[in-house]
């Protein structure tokens, strides 16, 4: 829409920033189930308001420890894909970056945020859109797994 030949400026979207870890063990990846028990999820969290200068690797380490237990050891890799989650009822929008990580050791002890976990070989399971919070998320995972060698 234009007024006096000037485009109307739209407001910027405001997003929380979240960091997720796609933990790999052999040919399998760790998938959590959200506490409600309906959707796949990964260990993750948003950057806290006191972590403005905290290295992202330390934010990730805090979240992994909180959600999987302090025993979990992993080797963090690079960011591999991104997606957004929208929770309109809460007025909450999150921009998420997913990092690869190699599982090294430790017993998984889930926090209350998740009800279950499983190691999944994406070549042996047909991921479905309804297993994810939103279509954009499903498509990001699907594309990532299709491009694995």
Protein backbone atom coordinates (compact mmCIF):
# COMPACT_ATOMS: atom_id res chain seq x y z
CA UNK A 1 0.00 0.00 0.00
CA UNK A 2 1.32 3.45 -0.89
CA UNK A 3 0.49 6.90 0.42
CA UNK A 4 1.66 9.95 -1.55
CA UNK A 5 3.86 7.67 -3.65
CA UNK A 6 5.65 6.48 -0.49
CA UNK A 7 5.42 2.82 0.50
CA UNK A 8 3.89 2.19 3.91
CA UNK A 9 6.56 0.95 6.29
CA UNK A 10 5.67 -2.29 7.99
CA UNK A 11 6.78 -3.09 11.52
CA UNK A 12 9.66 -5.48 12.02
CA UNK A 13 8.81 -8.93 13.31
CA UNK A 14 10.04 -9.58 16.84
CA UNK A 15 11.43 -13.06 17.45
CA UNK A 16 12.96 -14.88 20.36
CA UNK A 17 16.14 -16.70 19.34
CA UNK A 18 16.42 -20.43 20.01
CA UNK A 19 19.27 -22.87 19.54
CA UNK A 20 18.65 -26.58 18.93
CA UNK A 21 20.97 -29.57 18.86
CA UNK A 22 20.50 -32.44 16.41
CA UNK A 23 22.41 -35.13 18.27
CA UNK A 24 23.69 -37.99 16.10
CA UNK A 25 24.75 -41.46 17.25
CA UNK A 26 25.85 -43.63 14.34
CA UNK A 27 23.03 -43.44 11.76
CA UNK A 28 20.45 -42.31 14.29
CA UNK A 29 19.37 -38.93 15.58
CA UNK A 30 17.90 -38.10 18.97
CA UNK A 31 14.28 -36.94 18.81
CA UNK A 32 12.48 -35.84 21.93
CA UNK A 33 8.71 -35.77 22.36
CA UNK A 34 7.24 -32.57 23.79
CA UNK A 35 5.65 -32.79 27.25
CA UNK A 36 2.15 -32.92 25.75
CA UNK A 37 3.30 -35.95 23.78
CA UNK A 38 2.32 -34.90 20.29
CA UNK A 39 5.35 -33.47 18.48
CA UNK A 40 8.98 -34.23 17.81
CA UNK A 41 11.44 -31.82 19.34
CA UNK A 42 15.16 -31.46 19.93
CA UNK A 43 17.13 -30.32 22.96
CA UNK A 44 17.00 -26.56 22.74
CA UNK A 45 16.38 -23.28 24.40
CA UNK A 46 16.12 -19.60 23.98
CA UNK A 47 18.93 -17.23 24.80
CA UNK A 48 18.32 -15.76 28.26
CA UNK A 49 18.29 -12.00 28.81
CA UNK A 50 21.57 -12.21 30.77
CA UNK A 51 23.39 -14.06 27.97
CA UNK A 52 23.94 -11.16 25.56
CA UNK A 53 27.71 -11.75 25.52
CA UNK A 54 27.73 -15.45 26.37
CA UNK A 55 29.20 -17.53 23.54
CA UNK A 56 26.49 -19.50 21.73
CA UNK A 57 28.35 -22.75 22.48
CA UNK A 58 27.89 -22.04 26.20
CA UNK A 59 24.19 -21.26 25.77
CA UNK A 60 23.81 -24.57 23.94
CA UNK A 61 25.76 -26.42 26.65
CA UNK A 62 23.46 -24.96 29.34
CA UNK A 63 20.35 -26.03 27.45
CA UNK A 64 21.61 -29.54 26.69
CA UNK A 65 22.50 -30.01 30.35
CA UNK A 66 19.09 -28.70 31.49
CA UNK A 67 17.09 -30.85 29.06
CA UNK A 68 19.16 -34.05 28.77
CA UNK A 69 21.08 -34.15 32.06
CA UNK A 70 24.56 -33.18 33.14
CA UNK A 71 26.10 -36.52 32.07
CA UNK A 72 25.58 -35.97 28.34
CA UNK A 73 28.79 -35.42 26.40
CA UNK A 74 28.79 -34.37 22.75
CA UNK A 75 30.92 -32.72 20.11
CA UNK A 76 29.15 -29.67 18.70
CA UNK A 77 29.28 -29.16 14.95
CA UNK A 78 28.10 -26.40 12.67
CA UNK A 79 24.65 -24.86 12.21
CA UNK A 80 22.82 -26.86 9.54
CA UNK A 81 19.34 -25.38 9.11
CA UNK A 82 16.85 -22.89 10.51
CA UNK A 83 13.11 -22.53 10.89
CA UNK A 84 10.49 -20.54 12.77
CA UNK A 85 7.85 -21.51 15.30
CA UNK A 86 4.77 -19.40 15.85
CA UNK A 87 2.55 -19.70 18.89
CA UNK A 88 -0.18 -17.20 18.06
CA UNK A 89 -2.12 -17.87 21.28
CA UNK A 90 0.92 -16.75 23.28
CA UNK A 91 1.97 -14.02 20.86
CA UNK A 92 5.31 -15.82 20.69
CA UNK A 93 7.54 -16.22 17.65
CA UNK A 94 10.85 -18.08 17.80
CA UNK A 95 13.61 -18.17 15.20
CA UNK A 96 15.54 -21.43 15.64
CA UNK A 97 18.96 -22.51 14.44
CA UNK A 98 19.78 -26.21 14.50
CA UNK A 99 23.36 -27.36 15.13
CA UNK A 100 24.72 -30.81 14.34
CA UNK A 101 26.34 -32.62 17.25
CA UNK A 102 27.91 -36.01 17.73
CA UNK A 103 26.79 -37.94 20.80
CA UNK A 104 29.80 -39.13 22.80
CA UNK A 105 28.46 -40.53 26.08
CA UNK A 106 26.13 -40.16 29.04
CA UNK A 107 22.71 -41.32 30.16
CA UNK A 108 19.80 -39.19 28.97
CA UNK A 109 17.70 -37.82 31.83
CA UNK A 110 14.83 -35.77 30.40
CA UNK A 111 13.56 -32.59 31.98
CA UNK A 112 9.83 -31.97 32.48
CA UNK A 113 9.74 -30.20 29.08
CA UNK A 114 9.74 -33.55 27.27
CA UNK A 115 7.88 -36.79 27.87
CA UNK A 116 9.99 -39.26 25.88
CA UNK A 117 12.92 -39.70 23.52
CA UNK A 118 13.98 -42.05 20.76
CA UNK A 119 16.91 -42.54 18.45
CA UNK A 120 15.63 -42.46 14.87
CA UNK A 121 17.29 -43.44 11.63
CA UNK A 122 15.65 -41.02 9.14
CA UNK A 123 16.29 -43.47 6.29
CA UNK A 124 14.15 -46.08 8.02
CA UNK A 125 11.20 -43.90 9.02
CA UNK A 126 8.81 -41.77 7.01
CA UNK A 127 8.60 -38.47 8.88
CA UNK A 128 5.13 -36.92 8.76
CA UNK A 129 4.16 -33.26 8.92
CA UNK A 130 1.83 -33.81 11.88
CA UNK A 131 4.78 -35.05 13.96
CA UNK A 132 6.16 -31.49 14.00
CA UNK A 133 4.86 -28.23 15.44
CA UNK A 134 4.60 -26.49 12.06
CA UNK A 135 4.95 -27.23 8.35
CA UNK A 136 8.05 -25.04 7.99
CA UNK A 137 9.79 -27.09 10.67
CA UNK A 138 8.81 -30.39 9.04
CA UNK A 139 10.08 -29.22 5.65
CA UNK A 140 13.41 -28.08 7.13
CA UNK A 141 13.99 -31.50 8.73
CA UNK A 142 12.86 -33.32 5.59
CA UNK A 143 15.23 -31.35 3.37
CA UNK A 144 18.13 -31.85 5.78
CA UNK A 145 17.63 -35.62 5.95
CA UNK A 146 17.13 -35.91 2.16
CA UNK A 147 20.50 -34.24 1.62
CA UNK A 148 22.46 -36.57 3.91
CA UNK A 149 24.94 -38.70 2.04
